[in-house]
Amino acid sequence: MGIMTRDGQGWCSTQLQEAMKKRNITPVCFGYKQIIGRIKYAPEISVDDTDALKDLAAIITRPIARGSIEEIMFRMNLLHKLERSGMLIINPPLSIERAVDKYYSLTLLEENNIPVPRTAVTENHDEALKCFEELGGDIVLKPVFGSRGMGATRISDSEVAARVFRTITFYRGVLYQQEFIPHGNSDIRAFVIGDKVVAAMRRVSSNWKTNVSLGAQPVFLNLSTELENLAVKASKIIGCRIAGVDLMEGPNGPVVLEINSQPGWNGLQSVTEVNIADEIISYVLSELKA
C-alpha cells in the first residue's frame, strides 16, 4: 500500500506505516518528485523499482507540498491517471482539488444547504472595500489556497483594509474575505472517515486563531449527532472519503469553515483513545473488498 507524501518520516506517515505493518501490509512511502509517468510504454507509473499499478493495492495521499503550477498540475494528473486505471486513491484527486480551493469548496457546500460564513471574493480592491462594509467591517482575510491558518488576517479598520487590499491586488492576489464570527476563541475539528466521525476535538486558543499548529490546545469533544451529520454531509459533498472538517459555533448556529482533504491528526490523537491511523487503514481495506 502506498503513502504519497512530502515527508515519509513525518508523524502521520509513520503512524500509517505502523498501522499497515500490524496487518502484514507492506508500506511503500514515496514523494511526488520520485514518480515517473510514462505514455505508450511500461511501467506507466513507477517509483524506483515499484510499478504502482501492479505492486500497490491502494495509495493514501498526504499533503501535496508546495510547487510550481506545472509541478502541482503534474502531481494531480498522475493521481487522476492512477484512479482512471483502477487504483484506489484516498482521497480521490477531484476531492483534493475541490477542498484546496476555498472558494470552490464553499460554493459547493452552500449550494447543498450547508451553513457557511458570509464570504466575498474579488480581484478588485475597490469592490473588496464595498464587501468589507457589507460584511460588517470586521472580516477575516484568507488566502484562497492555504491551510493551518497561515496568512489569515483579521481586519476591522477600513483604512487598514484599503492598504492591505491594494497591496494584495498589486501582486495579483485574490481578495477572499469572510465575516468575522464571534466564537469564544474556539472551534471544532471533526475527523471523518467514510460515513462517520471517528474522533473530534475542540480547539481552544488565547486569540481568534484556533489552529493547533499555531498554539491552540486540543480538548476531547463528544460531538453531537447534529454536528456529526453536518460534518459527514459536508465531507461527502466535496467527495472526500477522509476529511478534517472545521466547524464553528457562532451566534446564529454552527457553520462549516472549510474541509481539509489531507488532514493531520497529531493534536487530535493526543486527546482521543481511538487509533486514527488504524481506523484509516481499516477503512481502506474495507473499500478494497467492496
C-alpha atoms as a PDB file:
ATOM      1  CA  MET A   1       0.000   0.000   0.000  1.00  0.00           C
ATOM      2  CA  GLY A   2       1.424   3.362  -0.991  1.00  0.00           C
ATOM      3  CA  ILE A   3       1.733   6.535   1.049  1.00  0.00           C
ATOM      4  CA  MET A   4       2.311   9.516  -1.206  1.00  0.00           C
ATOM      5  CA  THR A   5       3.801  12.234   0.967  1.00  0.00           C
ATOM      6  CA  ARG A   6       6.305  15.045   1.124  1.00  0.00           C
ATOM      7  CA  ASP A   7       7.736  13.646   4.376  1.00  0.00           C
ATOM      8  CA  GLY A   8       7.972   9.885   4.838  1.00  0.00           C
ATOM      9  CA  GLN A   9       9.342  10.380   8.355  1.00  0.00           C
ATOM     10  CA  GLY A  10       6.555  12.740   9.416  1.00  0.00           C
ATOM     11  CA  TRP A  11       4.391  11.738  12.368  1.00  0.00           C
ATOM     12  CA  CYS A  12       1.233  10.922  10.388  1.00  0.00           C
ATOM     13  CA  SER A  13       3.169   8.973   7.762  1.00  0.00           C
ATOM     14  CA  THR A  14       4.929   6.845  10.370  1.00  0.00           C
ATOM     15  CA  GLN A  15       1.624   6.214  12.143  1.00  0.00           C
ATOM     16  CA  LEU A  16       0.129   4.929   8.884  1.00  0.00           C
ATOM     17  CA  GLN A  17       3.157   2.718   8.258  1.00  0.00           C
ATOM     18  CA  GLU A  18       2.877   1.178  11.728  1.00  0.00           C
ATOM     19  CA  ALA A  19      -0.835   0.544  11.231  1.00  0.00           C
ATOM     20  CA  MET A  20      -0.102  -1.216   7.935  1.00  0.00           C
ATOM     21  CA  LYS A  21       2.611  -3.409   9.415  1.00  0.00           C
ATOM     22  CA  LYS A  22       0.212  -4.601  12.142  1.00  0.00           C
ATOM     23  CA  ARG A  23      -1.855  -6.128   9.325  1.00  0.00           C
ATOM     24  CA  ASN A  24       1.139  -7.539   7.433  1.00  0.00           C
ATOM     25  CA  ILE A  25       0.755  -4.868   4.757  1.00  0.00           C
ATOM     26  CA  THR A  26       3.991  -3.620   3.220  1.00  0.00           C
ATOM     27  CA  PRO A  27       4.054   0.197   3.205  1.00  0.00           C
ATOM     28  CA  VAL A  28       5.693   1.923   0.256  1.00  0.00           C
ATOM     29  CA  CYS A  29       6.354   5.532   1.162  1.00  0.00           C
ATOM     30  CA  PHE A  30       7.410   7.961  -1.552  1.00  0.00           C
ATOM     31  CA  GLY A  31       7.434  11.612  -2.502  1.00  0.00           C
ATOM     32  CA  TYR A  32       5.862  13.205  -5.536  1.00  0.00           C
ATOM     33  CA  LYS A  33       9.223  14.051  -7.063  1.00  0.00           C
ATOM     34  CA  GLN A  34      10.130  10.342  -7.204  1.00  0.00           C
ATOM     35  CA  ILE A  35       7.266   9.393  -9.534  1.00  0.00           C
ATOM     36  CA  ILE A  36       7.689   8.722 -13.245  1.00  0.00           C
ATOM     37  CA  GLY A  37       4.696   8.756 -15.576  1.00  0.00           C
ATOM     38  CA  ARG A  38       5.167   7.005 -18.924  1.00  0.00           C
ATOM     39  CA  ILE A  39       3.000   7.088 -22.030  1.00  0.00           C
ATOM     40  CA  LYS A  40       2.949   4.326 -24.613  1.00  0.00           C
ATOM     41  CA  TYR A  41       5.370   2.066 -22.737  1.00  0.00           C
ATOM     42  CA  ALA A  42       5.543   0.295 -19.384  1.00  0.00           C
ATOM     43  CA  PRO A  43       5.535   0.692 -16.485  1.00  0.00           C
ATOM     44  CA  GLU A  44       3.026   3.510 -16.883  1.00  0.00           C
ATOM     45  CA  ILE A  45       3.632   4.913 -13.400  1.00  0.00           C
ATOM     46  CA  SER A  46       6.563   3.872 -11.233  1.00  0.00           C
ATOM     47  CA  VAL A  47       8.534   4.832  -8.162  1.00  0.00           C
ATOM     48  CA  ASP A  48      12.070   3.453  -8.149  1.00  0.00           C
ATOM     49  CA  ASP A  49      11.543  -0.313  -8.696  1.00  0.00           C
ATOM     50  CA  THR A  50       7.828  -0.220  -7.812  1.00  0.00           C
ATOM     51  CA  ASP A  51       5.273  -0.486 -10.606  1.00  0.00           C
ATOM     52  CA  ALA A  52       2.453   1.469  -8.978  1.00  0.00           C
ATOM     53  CA  LEU A  53      -0.387  -0.190 -10.909  1.00  0.00           C
ATOM     54  CA  LYS A  54       0.896  -3.739 -10.399  1.00  0.00           C
ATOM     55  CA  ASP A  55       2.552  -3.618  -6.989  1.00  0.00           C
ATOM     56  CA  LEU A  56       0.263  -1.354  -4.950  1.00  0.00           C
ATOM     57  CA  ALA A  57      -3.291  -2.136  -3.844  1.00  0.00           C
ATOM     58  CA  ALA A  58      -4.104   1.463  -2.911  1.00  0.00           C
ATOM     59  CA  ILE A  59      -2.467   4.827  -2.324  1.00  0.00           C
ATOM     60  CA  ILE A  60      -3.084   7.176   0.591  1.00  0.00           C
ATOM     61  CA  THR A  61      -2.306  10.784  -0.271  1.00  0.00           C
ATOM     62  CA  ARG A  62      -0.737  13.100   2.245  1.00  0.00           C
ATOM     63  CA  PRO A  63      -0.085  16.842   1.691  1.00  0.00           C
ATOM     64  CA  ILE A  64       0.775  17.616  -1.916  1.00  0.00           C
ATOM     65  CA  ALA A  65       3.534  20.062  -0.872  1.00  0.00           C
ATOM     66  CA  ARG A  66       4.437  23.338  -2.465  1.00  0.00           C
ATOM     67  CA  GLY A  67       5.376  23.559  -6.100  1.00  0.00           C
ATOM     68  CA  SER A  68       5.077  25.487  -9.322  1.00  0.00           C
ATOM     69  CA  ILE A  69       1.828  25.400 -11.288  1.00  0.00           C
ATOM     70  CA  GLU A  70       3.409  22.798 -13.579  1.00  0.00           C
ATOM     71  CA  GLU A  71       4.508  20.626 -10.657  1.00  0.00           C
ATOM     72  CA  ILE A  72       1.122  20.747  -8.916  1.00  0.00           C
ATOM     73  CA  MET A  73      -0.783  20.036 -12.131  1.00  0.00           C
ATOM     74  CA  PHE A  74       1.509  17.095 -12.930  1.00  0.00           C
ATOM     75  CA  ARG A  75       1.024  15.610  -9.449  1.00  0.00           C
ATOM     76  CA  MET A  76      -2.741  15.897  -9.707  1.00  0.00           C
ATOM     77  CA  ASN A  77      -2.755  14.495 -13.237  1.00  0.00           C
ATOM     78  CA  LEU A  78      -0.756  11.499 -12.013  1.00  0.00           C
ATOM     79  CA  LEU A  79      -3.387  10.871  -9.340  1.00  0.00           C
ATOM     80  CA  HIS A  80      -6.165  11.145 -11.923  1.00  0.00           C
ATOM     81  CA  LYS A  81      -4.319   8.697 -14.200  1.00  0.00           C
ATOM     82  CA  LEU A  82      -3.892   6.213 -11.354  1.00  0.00           C
ATOM     83  CA  GLU A  83      -7.582   6.485 -10.494  1.00  0.00           C
ATOM     84  CA  ARG A  84      -8.663   6.024 -14.122  1.00  0.00           C
ATOM     85  CA  SER A  85      -6.503   2.907 -14.232  1.00  0.00           C
ATOM     86  CA  GLY A  86      -8.439   1.397 -11.334  1.00  0.00           C
ATOM     87  CA  MET A  87      -6.237   2.369  -8.390  1.00  0.00           C
ATOM     88  CA  LEU A  88      -7.990   3.200  -5.109  1.00  0.00           C
ATOM     89  CA  ILE A  89      -6.816   6.693  -4.157  1.00  0.00           C
ATOM     90  CA  ILE A  90      -7.651   8.057  -0.704  1.00  0.00           C
ATOM     91  CA  ASN A  91      -8.565  10.874  -1.107  1.00  0.00           C
ATOM     92  CA  PRO A  92      -9.707  10.945  -4.731  1.00  0.00           C
ATOM     93  CA  PRO A  93      -7.911  13.663  -6.725  1.00  0.00           C
ATOM     94  CA  LEU A  94     -11.135  15.531  -7.535  1.00  0.00           C
ATOM     95  CA  SER A  95     -11.879  15.942  -3.831  1.00  0.00           C
ATOM     96  CA  ILE A  96      -8.362  17.270  -3.236  1.00  0.00           C
ATOM     97  CA  GLU A  97      -8.829  19.838  -5.996  1.00  0.00           C
ATOM     98  CA  ARG A  98     -12.168  20.907  -4.566  1.00  0.00           C
ATOM     99  CA  ALA A  99     -11.045  21.112  -0.954  1.00  0.00           C
ATOM    100  CA  VAL A 100      -7.821  23.026  -1.560  1.00  0.00           C
ATOM    101  CA  ASP A 101      -9.722  25.873  -3.244  1.00  0.00           C
ATOM    102  CA  LYS A 102     -11.659  27.690  -0.518  1.00  0.00           C
ATOM    103  CA  TYR A 103     -13.974  29.492  -2.945  1.00  0.00           C
ATOM    104  CA  TYR A 104     -14.758  26.344  -4.948  1.00  0.00           C
ATOM    105  CA  SER A 105     -15.449  24.195  -1.892  1.00  0.00           C
ATOM    106  CA  LEU A 106     -17.515  26.825  -0.074  1.00  0.00           C
ATOM    107  CA  THR A 107     -19.759  27.362  -3.110  1.00  0.00           C
ATOM    108  CA  LEU A 108     -20.394  23.611  -3.320  1.00  0.00           C
ATOM    109  CA  LEU A 109     -21.279  23.474   0.366  1.00  0.00           C
ATOM    110  CA  GLU A 110     -23.612  26.480   0.182  1.00  0.00           C
ATOM    111  CA  GLU A 111     -25.339  25.101  -2.924  1.00  0.00           C
ATOM    112  CA  ASN A 112     -26.081  21.946  -0.926  1.00  0.00           C
ATOM    113  CA  ASN A 113     -27.575  23.794   2.041  1.00  0.00           C
ATOM    114  CA  ILE A 114     -24.582  23.513   4.335  1.00  0.00           C
ATOM    115  CA  PRO A 115     -24.341  26.588   6.608  1.00  0.00           C
ATOM    116  CA  VAL A 116     -21.197  28.582   5.829  1.00  0.00           C
ATOM    117  CA  PRO A 117     -19.952  32.087   6.724  1.00  0.00           C
ATOM    118  CA  ARG A 118     -20.892  35.037   4.532  1.00  0.00           C
ATOM    119  CA  THR A 119     -17.971  35.363   2.143  1.00  0.00           C
ATOM    120  CA  ALA A 120     -16.932  37.740  -0.657  1.00  0.00           C
ATOM    121  CA  VAL A 121     -14.214  37.109  -3.225  1.00  0.00           C
ATOM    122  CA  THR A 122     -12.907  39.544  -5.829  1.00  0.00           C
ATOM    123  CA  GLU A 123      -9.756  40.656  -7.647  1.00  0.00           C
ATOM    124  CA  ASN A 124     -10.737  44.338  -7.364  1.00  0.00           C
ATOM    125  CA  HIS A 125      -9.638  46.244  -4.246  1.00  0.00           C
ATOM    126  CA  ASP A 126     -12.360  48.893  -4.579  1.00  0.00           C
ATOM    127  CA  GLU A 127     -15.062  46.235  -4.800  1.00  0.00           C
ATOM    128  CA  ALA A 128     -13.427  44.420  -1.896  1.00  0.00           C
ATOM    129  CA  LEU A 129     -13.818  47.571   0.228  1.00  0.00           C
ATOM    130  CA  LYS A 130     -17.533  47.632  -0.530  1.00  0.00           C
ATOM    131  CA  CYS A 131     -17.749  43.982   0.528  1.00  0.00           C
ATOM    132  CA  PHE A 132     -15.787  44.812   3.685  1.00  0.00           C
ATOM    133  CA  GLU A 133     -18.623  47.136   4.713  1.00  0.00           C
ATOM    134  CA  GLU A 134     -21.285  44.611   3.611  1.00  0.00           C
ATOM    135  CA  LEU A 135     -19.684  42.042   5.925  1.00  0.00           C
ATOM    136  CA  GLY A 136     -19.907  44.366   8.919  1.00  0.00           C
ATOM    137  CA  GLY A 137     -16.489  45.994   8.814  1.00  0.00           C
ATOM    138  CA  ASP A 138     -14.922  43.096  10.715  1.00  0.00           C
ATOM    139  CA  ILE A 139     -13.569  40.370   8.475  1.00  0.00           C
ATOM    140  CA  VAL A 140     -11.020  37.587   8.191  1.00  0.00           C
ATOM    141  CA  LEU A 141      -8.919  37.848   5.037  1.00  0.00           C
ATOM    142  CA  LYS A 142      -7.592  34.481   3.878  1.00  0.00           C
ATOM    143  CA  PRO A 143      -5.509  33.146   1.002  1.00  0.00           C
ATOM    144  CA  VAL A 144      -7.717  31.174  -1.398  1.00  0.00           C
ATOM    145  CA  PHE A 145      -5.168  28.366  -1.216  1.00  0.00           C
ATOM    146  CA  GLY A 146      -3.711  27.727   2.204  1.00  0.00           C
ATOM    147  CA  SER A 147      -4.054  25.850   5.479  1.00  0.00           C
ATOM    148  CA  ARG A 148      -3.136  25.894   9.184  1.00  0.00           C
ATOM    149  CA  GLY A 149      -4.290  29.495   9.482  1.00  0.00           C
ATOM    150  CA  MET A 150      -1.200  30.753   7.683  1.00  0.00           C
ATOM    151  CA  GLY A 151      -1.809  34.100   6.002  1.00  0.00           C
ATOM    152  CA  ALA A 152      -5.226  34.615   7.604  1.00  0.00           C
ATOM    153  CA  THR A 153      -5.641  38.134   8.990  1.00  0.00           C
ATOM    154  CA  ARG A 154      -8.463  39.774  10.913  1.00  0.00           C
ATOM    155  CA  ILE A 155      -9.197  43.337   9.789  1.00  0.00           C
ATOM    156  CA  SER A 156     -11.659  45.690  11.476  1.00  0.00           C
ATOM    157  CA  ASP A 157     -10.399  49.063  10.254  1.00  0.00           C
ATOM    158  CA  SER A 158     -11.390  50.352   6.816  1.00  0.00           C
ATOM    159  CA  GLU A 159      -8.123  52.261   6.275  1.00  0.00           C
ATOM    160  CA  VAL A 160      -6.077  49.177   7.092  1.00  0.00           C
ATOM    161  CA  ALA A 161      -8.355  47.153   4.807  1.00  0.00           C
ATOM    162  CA  ALA A 162      -7.764  49.604   1.949  1.00  0.00           C
ATOM    163  CA  ARG A 163      -3.980  49.402   2.290  1.00  0.00           C
ATOM    164  CA  VAL A 164      -3.944  45.615   2.577  1.00  0.00           C
ATOM    165  CA  PHE A 165      -6.355  45.136  -0.320  1.00  0.00           C
ATOM    166  CA  ARG A 166      -4.331  47.385  -2.606  1.00  0.00           C
ATOM    167  CA  THR A 167      -1.100  45.611  -1.728  1.00  0.00           C
ATOM    168  CA  ILE A 168      -2.546  42.184  -2.444  1.00  0.00           C
ATOM    169  CA  THR A 169      -4.061  43.208  -5.778  1.00  0.00           C
ATOM    170  CA  PHE A 170      -0.772  44.882  -6.757  1.00  0.00           C
ATOM    171  CA  TYR A 171       0.815  41.441  -6.542  1.00  0.00           C
ATOM    172  CA  ARG A 172      -2.125  39.931  -8.468  1.00  0.00           C
ATOM    173  CA  GLY A 173      -3.666  38.230  -5.471  1.00  0.00           C
ATOM    174  CA  VAL A 174      -7.334  37.393  -4.947  1.00  0.00           C
ATOM    175  CA  LEU A 175      -9.193  39.010  -2.042  1.00  0.00           C
ATOM    176  CA  TYR A 176     -11.083  36.319  -0.125  1.00  0.00           C
ATOM    177  CA  GLN A 177     -12.814  37.732   2.935  1.00  0.00           C
ATOM    178  CA  GLN A 178     -15.297  36.271   5.401  1.00  0.00           C
ATOM    179  CA  GLU A 179     -17.384  37.873   8.077  1.00  0.00           C
ATOM    180  CA  PHE A 180     -15.787  37.537  11.497  1.00  0.00           C
ATOM    181  CA  ILE A 181     -17.922  35.232  13.615  1.00  0.00           C
ATOM    182  CA  PRO A 182     -17.599  35.600  17.407  1.00  0.00           C
ATOM    183  CA  HIS A 183     -16.609  32.140  18.583  1.00  0.00           C
ATOM    184  CA  GLY A 184     -15.104  32.463  22.044  1.00  0.00           C
ATOM    185  CA  ASN A 185     -11.642  31.663  20.674  1.00  0.00           C
ATOM    186  CA  SER A 186     -12.555  28.043  19.960  1.00  0.00           C
ATOM    187  CA  ASP A 187     -13.777  25.881  17.114  1.00  0.00           C
ATOM    188  CA  ILE A 188     -14.222  22.182  16.306  1.00  0.00           C
ATOM    189  CA  ARG A 189     -12.278  19.719  14.178  1.00  0.00           C
ATOM    190  CA  ALA A 190     -14.229  16.588  13.247  1.00  0.00           C
ATOM    191  CA  PHE A 191     -12.272  13.741  11.674  1.00  0.00           C
ATOM    192  CA  VAL A 192     -14.490  11.994   9.151  1.00  0.00           C
ATOM    193  CA  ILE A 193     -13.742   8.544   7.768  1.00  0.00           C
ATOM    194  CA  GLY A 194     -16.367   7.193   5.384  1.00  0.00           C
ATOM    195  CA  ASP A 195     -19.804   7.635   6.903  1.00  0.00           C
ATOM    196  CA  LYS A 196     -18.807   8.568  10.445  1.00  0.00           C
ATOM    197  CA  VAL A 197     -16.820  10.913  12.617  1.00  0.00           C
ATOM    198  CA  VAL A 198     -14.220   8.722  14.330  1.00  0.00           C
ATOM    199  CA  ALA A 199     -12.968  11.461  16.663  1.00  0.00           C
ATOM    200  CA  ALA A 200     -13.445  15.145  17.348  1.00  0.00           C
ATOM    201  CA  MET A 201     -11.830  17.884  19.383  1.00  0.00           C
ATOM    202  CA  ARG A 202     -12.468  21.432  20.424  1.00  0.00           C
ATOM    203  CA  ARG A 203      -9.512  23.681  19.703  1.00  0.00           C
ATOM    204  CA  VAL A 204      -9.144  26.359  22.370  1.00  0.00           C
ATOM    205  CA  SER A 205      -6.913  29.365  21.753  1.00  0.00           C
ATOM    206  CA  SER A 206      -5.814  32.533  23.517  1.00  0.00           C
ATOM    207  CA  ASN A 207      -6.802  34.521  20.410  1.00  0.00           C
ATOM    208  CA  TRP A 208      -9.156  34.265  17.428  1.00  0.00           C
ATOM    209  CA  LYS A 209      -6.929  31.829  15.507  1.00  0.00           C
ATOM    210  CA  THR A 210      -7.711  28.293  16.635  1.00  0.00           C
ATOM    211  CA  ASN A 211      -5.188  26.165  14.737  1.00  0.00           C
ATOM    212  CA  VAL A 212      -3.304  23.648  16.882  1.00  0.00           C
ATOM    213  CA  SER A 213      -0.237  24.329  14.724  1.00  0.00           C
ATOM    214  CA  LEU A 214      -0.404  27.944  15.947  1.00  0.00           C
ATOM    215  CA  GLY A 215      -0.656  27.043  19.618  1.00  0.00           C
ATOM    216  CA  ALA A 216      -4.332  26.269  20.267  1.00  0.00           C
ATOM    217  CA  GLN A 217      -4.971  23.497  22.783  1.00  0.00           C
ATOM    218  CA  PRO A 218      -6.891  20.373  21.715  1.00  0.00           C
ATOM    219  CA  VAL A 219      -9.672  19.204  24.049  1.00  0.00           C
ATOM    220  CA  PHE A 220     -11.605  15.952  23.580  1.00  0.00           C
ATOM    221  CA  LEU A 221     -15.143  16.510  22.325  1.00  0.00           C
ATOM    222  CA  ASN A 222     -18.056  14.112  22.202  1.00  0.00           C
ATOM    223  CA  LEU A 223     -19.682  15.503  19.090  1.00  0.00           C
ATOM    224  CA  SER A 224     -23.458  15.908  18.955  1.00  0.00           C
ATOM    225  CA  THR A 225     -25.428  13.944  16.365  1.00  0.00           C
ATOM    226  CA  GLU A 226     -26.347  17.195  14.614  1.00  0.00           C
ATOM    227  CA  LEU A 227     -22.735  18.279  14.179  1.00  0.00           C
ATOM    228  CA  GLU A 228     -21.594  14.777  13.223  1.00  0.00           C
ATOM    229  CA  ASN A 229     -24.219  14.607  10.489  1.00  0.00           C
ATOM    230  CA  LEU A 230     -23.211  18.062   9.300  1.00  0.00           C
ATOM    231  CA  ALA A 231     -19.525  17.096   9.115  1.00  0.00           C
ATOM    232  CA  VAL A 232     -20.195  13.841   7.261  1.00  0.00           C
ATOM    233  CA  LYS A 233     -22.539  15.516   4.778  1.00  0.00           C
ATOM    234  CA  ALA A 234     -20.029  18.300   4.081  1.00  0.00           C
ATOM    235  CA  SER A 235     -17.263  15.766   3.516  1.00  0.00           C
ATOM    236  CA  LYS A 236     -19.383  13.800   1.049  1.00  0.00           C
ATOM    237  CA  ILE A 237     -20.325  16.925  -0.919  1.00  0.00           C
ATOM    238  CA  ILE A 238     -16.640  17.633  -1.526  1.00  0.00           C
ATOM    239  CA  GLY A 239     -16.067  13.961  -2.352  1.00  0.00           C
ATOM    240  CA  CYS A 240     -13.679  13.176   0.488  1.00  0.00           C
ATOM    241  CA  ARG A 241     -13.505   9.679   1.966  1.00  0.00           C
ATOM    242  CA  ILE A 242     -11.323  11.005   4.783  1.00  0.00           C
ATOM    243  CA  ALA A 243     -11.538  14.628   5.898  1.00  0.00           C
ATOM    244  CA  GLY A 244     -10.867  17.075   8.654  1.00  0.00           C
ATOM    245  CA  VAL A 245     -13.987  19.216   8.845  1.00  0.00           C
ATOM    246  CA  ASP A 246     -13.661  22.546  10.648  1.00  0.00           C
ATOM    247  CA  LEU A 247     -16.834  23.810  12.298  1.00  0.00           C
ATOM    248  CA  MET A 248     -17.546  26.942  14.281  1.00  0.00           C
ATOM    249  CA  GLU A 249     -20.414  27.574  16.666  1.00  0.00           C
ATOM    250  CA  GLY A 250     -21.467  31.180  16.189  1.00  0.00           C
ATOM    251  CA  PRO A 251     -24.382  33.273  17.493  1.00  0.00           C
ATOM    252  CA  ASN A 252     -26.579  32.048  14.619  1.00  0.00           C
ATOM    253  CA  GLY A 253     -25.667  28.372  14.902  1.00  0.00           C
ATOM    254  CA  PRO A 254     -22.885  26.163  13.546  1.00  0.00           C
ATOM    255  CA  VAL A 255     -21.148  26.813  10.248  1.00  0.00           C
ATOM    256  CA  VAL A 256     -18.643  24.795   8.244  1.00  0.00           C
ATOM    257  CA  LEU A 257     -15.478  26.826   7.732  1.00  0.00           C
ATOM    258  CA  GLU A 258     -13.587  24.506   5.425  1.00  0.00           C
ATOM    259  CA  ILE A 259     -12.761  20.904   4.526  1.00  0.00           C
ATOM    260  CA  ASN A 260      -9.211  19.559   4.760  1.00  0.00           C
ATOM    261  CA  SER A 261      -8.756  16.662   2.341  1.00  0.00           C
ATOM    262  CA  GLN A 262      -5.347  15.702   3.727  1.00  0.00           C
ATOM    263  CA  PRO A 263      -5.699  16.326   7.433  1.00  0.00           C
ATOM    264  CA  GLY A 264      -3.097  15.706  10.067  1.00  0.00           C
ATOM    265  CA  TRP A 265      -4.236  14.237  13.379  1.00  0.00           C
ATOM    266  CA  ASN A 266      -1.356  14.601  15.818  1.00  0.00           C
ATOM    267  CA  GLY A 267      -3.256  17.033  18.052  1.00  0.00           C
ATOM    268  CA  LEU A 268      -6.477  15.050  17.829  1.00  0.00           C
ATOM    269  CA  GLN A 269      -4.722  11.769  18.613  1.00  0.00           C
ATOM    270  CA  SER A 270      -3.422  13.290  21.849  1.00  0.00           C
ATOM    271  CA  VAL A 271      -6.977  13.648  23.216  1.00  0.00           C
ATOM    272  CA  THR A 272      -8.728  10.514  21.910  1.00  0.00           C
ATOM    273  CA  GLU A 273      -8.346   6.809  22.625  1.00  0.00           C
ATOM    274  CA  VAL A 274      -9.265   5.950  19.036  1.00  0.00           C
ATOM    275  CA  ASN A 275      -6.219   4.975  16.982  1.00  0.00           C
ATOM    276  CA  ILE A 276      -6.888   7.149  13.947  1.00  0.00           C
ATOM    277  CA  ALA A 277      -4.239   5.562  11.721  1.00  0.00           C
ATOM    278  CA  ASP A 278      -5.754   2.122  12.431  1.00  0.00           C
ATOM    279  CA  GLU A 279      -9.172   3.466  11.507  1.00  0.00           C
ATOM    280  CA  ILE A 280      -7.822   4.835   8.226  1.00  0.00           C
ATOM    281  CA  ILE A 281      -6.199   1.548   7.221  1.00  0.00           C
ATOM    282  CA  SER A 282      -9.307  -0.429   8.227  1.00  0.00           C
ATOM    283  CA  TYR A 283     -11.374   1.837   6.016  1.00  0.00           C
ATOM    284  CA  VAL A 284      -9.013   1.470   3.041  1.00  0.00           C
ATOM    285  CA  LEU A 285      -9.137  -2.315   3.394  1.00  0.00           C
ATOM    286  CA  SER A 286     -12.934  -2.265   3.528  1.00  0.00           C
ATOM    287  CA  GLU A 287     -13.027  -0.202   0.337  1.00  0.00           C
ATOM    288  CA  LEU A 288     -10.681  -2.649  -1.408  1.00  0.00           C
ATOM    289  CA  LYS A 289     -13.038  -5.511  -0.542  1.00  0.00           C
ATOM    290  CA  ALA A 290     -16.165  -3.617  -1.643  1.00  0.00           C
END
